[in-house]
Amino acid sequence: MGPYQLEIFKTVVEKKSFSAAAQALFISQPAVSMHIRSLEEHYKTKLFDRTNQQITLTETGRILYSYAVKVLTLLSQVEKEISSYTGQIEGPLDIGASFTVGEYVVPKVLGVFNKRNPGVKAALQVTNTEHIVKLVSRQKLDLGLVEHSVDARNLIVSPIMQDELLVVFSPEHPWAKRKMITIQELKDMPLVLREHGSGTRMIAEERLDEAGFDLAQLNIIMELGSTEAVKEAVEAGFGITIISRWAVQKELKLGTLLSAKIEDVNMLRSFYLIHHKDKFKPLVVEKFIDFLISYCREYSY
């Protein structure tokens, strides 16, 4: 009986399924069953009751689970202490990020962090904010990065980086020499936006509404499911868009897209770091958070 078997047992309990545990651990279901049988033989007791394709813990199973959590936490703390003493930063790092920050910010940060710490095995999951919050709340991710603040009692939520939304258009657009436009000029222009529910679109519409602009006057000609598709459409001259500065850094630098700000409209927003207040943070997680904060201070707009 070793830590790996305890980890398998703990995962089965938390996933409430042998097959789900196998999928999460990237091993076969028969392998999971074999390790659970080995534990039951070792302790000479039944750990699970199996009825109607459901599994529930027996009393002895509950006892083992409580100690498995403590043992695995202690082992993680030992690794953290030793890594801190030796100066080695290594191990798994599971991050979740919503689309803009996950596609245009985190990969750059991870790339530099991994280059400096080759023993780190990072995994990035890019999905919507709601899903990231659920995964962090269930302690399935070490931390998350999202595009707007969330309200969850079990999470620590901190603004970590500032972003700015810009009006973006092609070099052939009549506004090519403009650096500032008025809010009323927006209603005359064909607009390409992300789909409803996109964090960037929500913030853009919210700020325009706050500035007194009637959103019904927006001439939206195209709604697309990805930021890359929006940029391609704008670059091809189909219209203008409102988009994160992070998402168009490369295009602005190359001159394939141009940008302007909206006079007297605050288009700044924050990205937020979220992590579970009770989840133990190994050294690799703490060091990545420190590195991320330092990076954000240097490169925020």
Protein backbone atom coordinates (compact mmCIF):
# COMPACT_ATOMS: atom_id res chain seq x y z
CA MET A 1 0.00 0.00 0.00
CA GLY A 2 1.51 3.33 -1.07
CA PRO A 3 0.65 6.96 -1.87
CA TYR A 4 -0.35 6.12 -5.45
CA GLN A 5 -3.03 3.68 -4.27
CA LEU A 6 -4.30 6.25 -1.77
CA GLU A 7 -4.47 8.83 -4.57
CA ILE A 8 -6.51 6.40 -6.70
CA PHE A 9 -8.81 5.63 -3.78
CA LYS A 10 -9.28 9.37 -3.01
CA THR A 11 -10.04 10.09 -6.68
CA VAL A 12 -12.67 7.31 -6.84
CA VAL A 13 -14.35 8.75 -3.74
CA GLU A 14 -14.39 12.29 -5.10
CA LYS A 15 -15.44 11.31 -8.63
CA LYS A 16 -18.01 8.82 -7.27
CA SER A 17 -17.12 6.50 -10.13
CA PHE A 18 -14.38 4.04 -11.05
CA SER A 19 -14.59 5.04 -14.73
CA ALA A 20 -14.46 8.79 -13.98
CA ALA A 21 -11.47 8.24 -11.69
CA ALA A 22 -9.70 6.24 -14.41
CA GLN A 23 -10.29 9.05 -16.89
CA ALA A 24 -9.01 11.70 -14.47
CA LEU A 25 -5.89 9.66 -13.67
CA PHE A 26 -5.24 8.59 -17.28
CA ILE A 27 -5.24 4.89 -16.42
CA SER A 28 -7.61 2.05 -17.30
CA GLN A 29 -10.72 1.22 -15.28
CA PRO A 30 -9.46 -2.35 -14.60
CA ALA A 31 -6.29 -0.81 -13.14
CA VAL A 32 -8.38 1.33 -10.79
CA SER A 33 -10.40 -1.74 -9.72
CA MET A 34 -7.21 -3.72 -9.13
CA HIS A 35 -5.74 -1.04 -6.84
CA ILE A 36 -8.98 -0.74 -4.86
CA ARG A 37 -9.08 -4.55 -4.41
CA SER A 38 -5.47 -4.43 -3.24
CA LEU A 39 -6.39 -1.84 -0.60
CA GLU A 40 -9.38 -3.91 0.54
CA GLU A 41 -7.16 -6.99 0.83
CA HIS A 42 -4.52 -5.04 2.74
CA TYR A 43 -7.02 -3.70 5.29
CA LYS A 44 -9.19 -6.84 5.18
CA THR A 45 -12.35 -4.80 4.76
CA LYS A 46 -14.79 -3.62 2.14
CA LEU A 47 -14.27 0.05 1.22
CA PHE A 48 -17.24 0.60 -1.14
CA ASP A 49 -20.82 -0.60 -1.38
CA ARG A 50 -21.87 -1.06 -5.00
CA THR A 51 -25.61 -0.84 -5.74
CA ASN A 52 -27.46 0.02 -8.97
CA GLN A 53 -24.24 1.10 -10.66
CA GLN A 54 -23.55 3.56 -7.82
CA ILE A 55 -20.80 3.40 -5.24
CA THR A 56 -20.90 4.65 -1.66
CA LEU A 57 -18.29 4.50 1.07
CA THR A 58 -18.56 1.97 3.85
CA GLU A 59 -17.72 3.07 7.41
CA THR A 60 -14.18 1.75 7.03
CA GLY A 61 -14.00 3.48 3.67
CA ARG A 62 -14.87 6.79 5.34
CA ILE A 63 -12.10 6.26 7.89
CA LEU A 64 -9.55 5.50 5.18
CA TYR A 65 -10.65 8.50 3.12
CA SER A 66 -10.18 10.93 6.01
CA TYR A 67 -6.64 9.63 6.59
CA ALA A 68 -5.84 9.44 2.86
CA VAL A 69 -6.57 13.17 2.54
CA LYS A 70 -4.29 13.92 5.51
CA VAL A 71 -1.48 11.63 4.33
CA LEU A 72 -1.49 12.99 0.77
CA THR A 73 -1.56 16.58 2.06
CA LEU A 74 1.41 15.85 4.35
CA LEU A 75 3.36 14.28 1.50
CA SER A 76 2.68 17.34 -0.64
CA GLN A 77 3.89 19.56 2.19
CA VAL A 78 7.08 17.47 2.52
CA GLU A 79 7.77 17.95 -1.20
CA LYS A 80 7.17 21.68 -0.81
CA GLU A 81 9.55 21.96 2.16
CA ILE A 82 12.30 19.98 0.45
CA SER A 83 11.87 21.86 -2.85
CA SER A 84 12.06 25.14 -0.94
CA TYR A 85 15.26 24.01 0.78
CA THR A 86 16.94 22.75 -2.40
CA GLY A 87 15.67 25.62 -4.53
CA GLN A 88 14.10 23.27 -7.08
CA ILE A 89 10.72 24.26 -8.49
CA GLU A 90 9.05 21.29 -10.13
CA GLY A 91 5.85 19.29 -10.29
CA PRO A 92 2.39 19.64 -11.83
CA LEU A 93 0.73 23.02 -12.32
CA ASP A 94 -2.93 22.97 -13.38
CA ILE A 95 -4.30 26.31 -14.56
CA GLY A 96 -7.63 27.36 -16.00
CA ALA A 97 -8.21 30.59 -17.92
CA SER A 98 -11.07 32.25 -19.73
CA PHE A 99 -10.66 32.87 -23.44
CA THR A 100 -8.87 36.21 -23.87
CA VAL A 101 -6.49 35.79 -20.96
CA GLY A 102 -6.07 32.08 -21.75
CA GLU A 103 -5.25 32.60 -25.42
CA TYR A 104 -3.18 35.78 -25.33
CA VAL A 105 -1.66 36.19 -21.84
CA VAL A 106 -1.12 32.90 -19.98
CA PRO A 107 0.79 31.04 -22.75
CA LYS A 108 3.44 33.80 -22.76
CA VAL A 109 3.76 33.72 -18.96
CA LEU A 110 3.89 29.92 -18.87
CA GLY A 111 6.49 29.85 -21.62
CA VAL A 112 8.92 32.05 -19.70
CA PHE A 113 8.16 30.30 -16.37
CA ASN A 114 8.73 26.84 -17.86
CA LYS A 115 11.96 27.91 -19.53
CA ARG A 116 13.29 28.99 -16.14
CA ASN A 117 11.86 25.93 -14.37
CA PRO A 118 12.01 22.94 -16.76
CA GLY A 119 10.84 20.54 -14.04
CA VAL A 120 7.38 22.12 -14.01
CA LYS A 121 4.67 20.17 -15.86
CA ALA A 122 2.07 22.81 -16.68
CA ALA A 123 -1.40 22.13 -18.05
CA LEU A 124 -3.65 24.98 -19.23
CA GLN A 125 -7.40 24.61 -19.73
CA VAL A 126 -9.05 27.43 -21.71
CA THR A 127 -12.82 27.70 -21.33
CA ASN A 128 -15.48 30.15 -20.15
CA THR A 129 -15.36 31.91 -16.79
CA GLU A 130 -18.27 29.93 -15.33
CA HIS A 131 -16.52 26.61 -15.97
CA ILE A 132 -13.21 27.88 -14.57
CA VAL A 133 -14.96 28.98 -11.37
CA LYS A 134 -16.57 25.54 -10.98
CA LEU A 135 -13.26 23.71 -11.47
CA VAL A 136 -11.39 25.93 -9.00
CA SER A 137 -14.26 25.68 -6.49
CA ARG A 138 -14.09 21.87 -6.69
CA GLN A 139 -10.28 22.03 -6.28
CA LYS A 140 -9.71 20.48 -9.71
CA LEU A 141 -7.41 23.34 -10.70
CA ASP A 142 -4.63 25.02 -8.75
CA LEU A 143 -5.76 28.47 -9.88
CA GLY A 144 -7.82 30.28 -12.47
CA LEU A 145 -7.59 33.52 -14.44
CA VAL A 146 -10.86 35.12 -15.52
CA GLU A 147 -12.02 38.31 -17.25
CA HIS A 148 -14.41 39.60 -14.62
CA SER A 149 -14.81 39.37 -10.86
CA VAL A 150 -16.74 36.45 -9.36
CA ASP A 151 -18.56 36.07 -6.08
CA ALA A 152 -17.86 32.72 -4.41
CA ARG A 153 -17.34 32.30 -0.69
CA ASN A 154 -14.81 29.47 -1.05
CA LEU A 155 -12.58 31.41 -3.45
CA ILE A 156 -9.99 34.14 -3.05
CA VAL A 157 -10.48 36.61 -5.91
CA SER A 158 -7.83 39.24 -6.69
CA PRO A 159 -7.49 41.73 -9.56
CA ILE A 160 -4.13 40.93 -11.13
CA MET A 161 -3.85 42.66 -14.50
CA GLN A 162 -5.43 45.54 -16.36
CA ASP A 163 -6.67 45.36 -19.93
CA GLU A 164 -8.10 47.95 -22.30
CA LEU A 165 -10.72 47.47 -25.00
CA LEU A 166 -9.96 49.26 -28.26
CA VAL A 167 -11.89 50.07 -31.41
CA VAL A 168 -9.99 48.17 -34.11
CA PHE A 169 -10.16 48.47 -37.91
CA SER A 170 -8.17 47.74 -41.07
CA PRO A 171 -5.51 50.15 -42.47
CA GLU A 172 -7.86 50.89 -45.41
CA HIS A 173 -10.62 52.14 -43.09
CA PRO A 174 -11.60 55.85 -43.17
CA TRP A 175 -10.46 56.08 -39.53
CA ALA A 176 -6.93 54.91 -40.40
CA LYS A 177 -5.36 58.19 -39.26
CA ARG A 178 -7.59 58.55 -36.20
CA LYS A 179 -6.51 57.82 -32.63
CA MET A 180 -9.77 58.95 -31.04
CA ILE A 181 -13.41 58.68 -32.10
CA THR A 182 -16.64 59.86 -30.53
CA ILE A 183 -19.16 57.39 -29.15
CA GLN A 184 -21.82 58.57 -31.62
CA GLU A 185 -19.60 57.69 -34.59
CA LEU A 186 -19.95 54.00 -33.69
CA LYS A 187 -23.57 53.83 -34.85
CA ASP A 188 -22.59 54.57 -38.45
CA MET A 189 -20.09 51.73 -38.74
CA PRO A 190 -20.63 48.01 -39.54
CA LEU A 191 -19.56 46.14 -36.42
CA VAL A 192 -18.10 42.64 -36.06
CA LEU A 193 -18.38 41.21 -32.54
CA ARG A 194 -17.99 38.02 -30.58
CA GLU A 195 -21.15 36.08 -29.79
CA HIS A 196 -23.51 36.98 -26.92
CA GLY A 197 -22.02 35.78 -23.62
CA SER A 198 -18.44 36.61 -24.57
CA GLY A 199 -16.69 38.38 -21.69
CA THR A 200 -15.19 41.01 -23.99
CA ARG A 201 -18.54 41.78 -25.59
CA MET A 202 -20.29 41.99 -22.22
CA ILE A 203 -17.75 44.52 -20.94
CA ALA A 204 -17.89 46.58 -24.16
CA GLU A 205 -21.70 46.78 -24.11
CA GLU A 206 -21.72 47.54 -20.40
CA ARG A 207 -19.29 50.47 -20.78
CA LEU A 208 -21.13 51.91 -23.80
CA ASP A 209 -24.43 51.67 -21.92
CA GLU A 210 -22.89 53.40 -18.88
CA ALA A 211 -21.77 56.22 -21.18
CA GLY A 212 -25.37 56.73 -22.32
CA PHE A 213 -25.10 55.06 -25.72
CA ASP A 214 -28.22 53.28 -27.00
CA LEU A 215 -26.99 49.72 -27.76
CA ALA A 216 -29.87 49.27 -30.21
CA GLN A 217 -28.07 51.75 -32.49
CA LEU A 218 -25.09 49.42 -32.94
CA ASN A 219 -24.91 48.20 -36.55
CA ILE A 220 -23.83 44.62 -35.81
CA ILE A 221 -23.36 42.85 -39.14
CA MET A 222 -21.54 39.74 -37.93
CA GLU A 223 -21.26 37.71 -34.71
CA LEU A 224 -18.40 35.21 -34.59
CA GLY A 225 -17.42 32.48 -32.16
CA SER A 226 -13.73 33.26 -31.75
CA THR A 227 -11.50 36.29 -31.39
CA GLU A 228 -9.29 35.07 -34.23
CA ALA A 229 -12.30 34.95 -36.56
CA VAL A 230 -13.26 38.50 -35.55
CA LYS A 231 -9.75 39.76 -36.32
CA GLU A 232 -9.73 38.02 -39.71
CA ALA A 233 -13.06 39.60 -40.65
CA VAL A 234 -11.93 43.08 -39.62
CA GLU A 235 -8.58 42.70 -41.39
CA ALA A 236 -10.49 41.75 -44.54
CA GLY A 237 -12.43 45.01 -44.30
CA PHE A 238 -15.87 43.72 -43.32
CA GLY A 239 -16.21 46.17 -40.45
CA ILE A 240 -14.75 47.41 -37.18
CA THR A 241 -14.67 45.68 -33.80
CA ILE A 242 -14.15 46.36 -30.10
CA ILE A 243 -11.51 44.02 -28.76
CA SER A 244 -8.90 43.49 -26.04
CA ARG A 245 -5.56 45.18 -26.60
CA TRP A 246 -3.93 41.89 -25.57
CA ALA A 247 -5.66 40.12 -28.46
CA VAL A 248 -4.32 42.47 -31.13
CA GLN A 249 -0.79 43.15 -29.88
CA LYS A 250 0.84 41.39 -32.83
CA GLU A 251 -1.43 42.93 -35.48
CA LEU A 252 -0.98 46.45 -34.09
CA LYS A 253 2.78 45.99 -34.08
CA LEU A 254 2.78 44.71 -37.68
CA GLY A 255 0.31 47.36 -38.83
CA THR A 256 -2.19 44.85 -40.24
CA LEU A 257 -4.78 46.34 -37.88
CA LEU A 258 -5.10 49.84 -36.40
CA SER A 259 -6.84 51.08 -33.26
CA ALA A 260 -8.50 54.08 -31.69
CA LYS A 261 -10.01 54.92 -28.32
CA ILE A 262 -13.54 56.18 -27.65
CA GLU A 263 -13.57 59.72 -26.31
CA ASP A 264 -14.81 60.02 -22.69
CA VAL A 265 -15.58 56.29 -22.37
CA ASN A 266 -13.70 54.17 -19.83
CA MET A 267 -12.85 50.90 -21.61
CA LEU A 268 -10.47 49.58 -18.98
CA ARG A 269 -11.15 46.26 -17.23
CA SER A 270 -9.30 43.89 -14.93
CA PHE A 271 -8.34 40.24 -15.19
CA TYR A 272 -8.72 38.31 -11.92
CA LEU A 273 -6.75 35.55 -10.24
CA ILE A 274 -8.91 33.02 -8.37
CA HIS A 275 -7.87 30.14 -6.14
CA HIS A 276 -9.53 28.02 -3.45
CA LYS A 277 -8.98 29.37 0.03
CA ASP A 278 -8.65 25.87 1.55
CA LYS A 279 -6.61 24.13 -1.18
CA PHE A 280 -3.01 23.44 -0.23
CA LYS A 281 -0.63 25.29 -2.54
CA PRO A 282 2.61 23.44 -3.40
CA LEU A 283 5.75 25.50 -3.89
CA VAL A 284 5.37 25.42 -7.69
CA VAL A 285 1.93 27.07 -7.42
CA GLU A 286 3.16 29.76 -5.02
CA LYS A 287 6.17 30.53 -7.21
CA PHE A 288 4.02 30.72 -10.36
CA ILE A 289 1.61 33.14 -8.65
CA ASP A 290 4.57 35.32 -7.60
CA PHE A 291 5.95 35.19 -11.15
CA LEU A 292 2.54 35.98 -12.66
CA ILE A 293 2.04 39.00 -10.39
CA SER A 294 5.50 40.31 -11.31
CA TYR A 295 4.80 39.80 -15.04
CA CYS A 296 1.43 41.54 -14.80
CA ARG A 297 2.92 44.57 -13.05
CA GLU A 298 5.42 44.95 -15.87
CA TYR A 299 3.06 44.43 -18.81
CA SER A 300 -0.37 45.71 -17.73
CA TYR A 301 -1.84 48.60 -19.68
